Amino acid sequence: MRFNDAQLQQCYDQNFAEAKDSLEPVRQVRALIGVYDWFQMLEGKHSTRVHEVIDHLLLPELRVGLRRWFQRPDAETHSATIELRTQLNRMTGEQLEKPTELSVADR
């Protein structure tokens, strides 16, 4: 995954290296959410960096990983996770936390 901003790239690469998920899309989503959390804390939710991370989270190729991330058993326990999920649900027009029938290509 490539970012325009060097600090985003460095933070993503570090988070990705630390993520231990076996599925690549979930590992990418975990790393992106780590970057999102960090830069939202530092710069606020309206920063350019935060918006770039959201743009990456919304990529069609990450949709399966995003669904799996929000369908984890502990996803409902973190208010920040619920807030981000609600925002992404609005932006995608989906309910990412709800299981959907996946096509063979999504598996």
Protein backbone atom coordinates (compact mmCIF):
# COMPACT_ATOMS: atom_id res chain seq x y z
CA MET A 1 0.00 0.00 0.00
CA ARG A 2 1.37 3.39 -0.94
CA PHE A 3 0.64 6.79 0.59
CA ASN A 4 1.37 10.28 -0.69
CA ASP A 5 2.58 11.36 2.75
CA ALA A 6 5.92 9.97 3.98
CA GLN A 7 4.84 9.96 7.65
CA LEU A 8 1.69 8.02 6.80
CA GLN A 9 3.77 5.53 4.83
CA GLN A 10 6.21 5.04 7.69
CA CYS A 11 3.43 4.60 10.24
CA TYR A 12 1.55 2.17 7.97
CA ASP A 13 4.68 0.10 7.28
CA GLN A 14 5.38 -0.17 11.01
CA ASN A 15 1.78 -1.13 11.84
CA PHE A 16 1.68 -3.63 8.98
CA ALA A 17 4.91 -5.28 10.16
CA GLU A 18 3.47 -5.61 13.69
CA ALA A 19 0.10 -7.02 12.52
CA LYS A 20 0.01 -10.79 12.90
CA ASP A 21 -3.25 -11.54 11.07
CA SER A 22 -3.00 -14.44 8.69
CA LEU A 23 -5.28 -12.92 6.07
CA GLU A 24 -3.65 -10.15 4.06
CA PRO A 25 -6.75 -7.91 3.76
CA VAL A 26 -7.36 -8.04 7.52
CA ARG A 27 -3.69 -7.32 8.18
CA GLN A 28 -3.90 -4.28 5.89
CA VAL A 29 -7.07 -3.06 7.60
CA ARG A 30 -5.50 -3.53 11.06
CA ALA A 31 -2.50 -1.46 9.97
CA LEU A 32 -4.69 1.24 8.41
CA ILE A 33 -6.83 1.53 11.51
CA GLY A 34 -3.69 1.87 13.62
CA VAL A 35 -2.55 4.72 11.36
CA TYR A 36 -6.03 6.25 11.45
CA ASP A 37 -6.14 6.15 15.28
CA TRP A 38 -2.67 7.67 15.61
CA PHE A 39 -3.15 10.59 13.23
CA GLN A 40 -6.70 11.30 14.40
CA MET A 41 -5.34 11.58 17.94
CA LEU A 42 -2.49 13.86 16.82
CA GLU A 43 -4.21 16.00 14.20
CA GLY A 44 -7.96 15.55 14.55
CA LYS A 45 -10.49 13.84 12.34
CA HIS A 46 -10.43 16.54 9.65
CA SER A 47 -6.71 16.36 8.90
CA THR A 48 -5.50 15.60 5.38
CA ARG A 49 -3.64 12.55 6.65
CA VAL A 50 -6.73 11.11 8.32
CA HIS A 51 -8.70 11.62 5.11
CA GLU A 52 -6.02 9.84 3.09
CA VAL A 53 -6.23 6.84 5.44
CA ILE A 54 -10.02 6.77 5.08
CA ASP A 55 -9.62 6.83 1.29
CA HIS A 56 -7.44 3.73 1.57
CA LEU A 57 -9.91 2.00 3.91
CA LEU A 58 -12.64 2.55 1.33
CA LEU A 59 -10.75 0.87 -1.51
CA PRO A 60 -12.87 -1.92 -3.03
CA GLU A 61 -10.05 -4.45 -2.69
CA LEU A 62 -10.08 -3.97 1.11
CA ARG A 63 -13.84 -4.41 1.54
CA VAL A 64 -13.57 -8.09 2.52
CA GLY A 65 -10.89 -7.30 5.11
CA LEU A 66 -12.93 -4.38 6.40
CA ARG A 67 -16.00 -6.57 6.86
CA ARG A 68 -13.97 -9.22 8.66
CA TRP A 69 -12.38 -6.57 10.89
CA PHE A 70 -15.75 -5.20 12.01
CA GLN A 71 -17.27 -8.67 12.42
CA ARG A 72 -14.68 -9.71 15.02
CA PRO A 73 -16.20 -10.67 18.38
CA ASP A 74 -14.46 -7.79 20.22
CA ALA A 75 -15.30 -5.10 17.62
CA GLU A 76 -18.38 -4.02 19.57
CA THR A 77 -16.44 -3.23 22.75
CA HIS A 78 -14.45 -0.21 21.58
CA SER A 79 -16.32 3.08 21.16
CA ALA A 80 -13.70 4.41 18.72
CA THR A 81 -14.14 1.28 16.58
CA ILE A 82 -17.92 1.70 16.59
CA GLU A 83 -17.60 5.38 15.63
CA LEU A 84 -15.25 4.60 12.74
CA ARG A 85 -17.48 1.72 11.61
CA THR A 86 -20.52 4.01 11.62
CA GLN A 87 -18.64 6.56 9.52
CA LEU A 88 -17.46 3.93 7.03
CA ASN A 89 -20.96 2.40 6.89
CA ARG A 90 -22.32 5.79 5.83
CA MET A 91 -19.60 6.24 3.25
CA THR A 92 -19.93 2.75 1.74
CA GLY A 93 -23.69 2.42 2.02
CA GLU A 94 -23.16 -0.96 3.71
CA GLN A 95 -23.39 -2.38 7.19
CA LEU A 96 -19.86 -3.74 7.44
CA GLU A 97 -20.53 -5.49 10.74
CA LYS A 98 -23.30 -7.66 9.26
CA PRO A 99 -22.35 -10.91 7.56
CA THR A 100 -23.05 -10.92 3.84
CA GLU A 101 -23.00 -13.63 1.27
CA LEU A 102 -19.55 -13.43 -0.26
CA SER A 103 -18.89 -14.36 -3.83
CA VAL A 104 -16.16 -16.87 -4.59
CA ALA A 105 -13.89 -13.93 -5.55
CA ASP A 106 -14.29 -12.37 -2.08
CA ARG A 107 -13.09 -15.43 -0.19
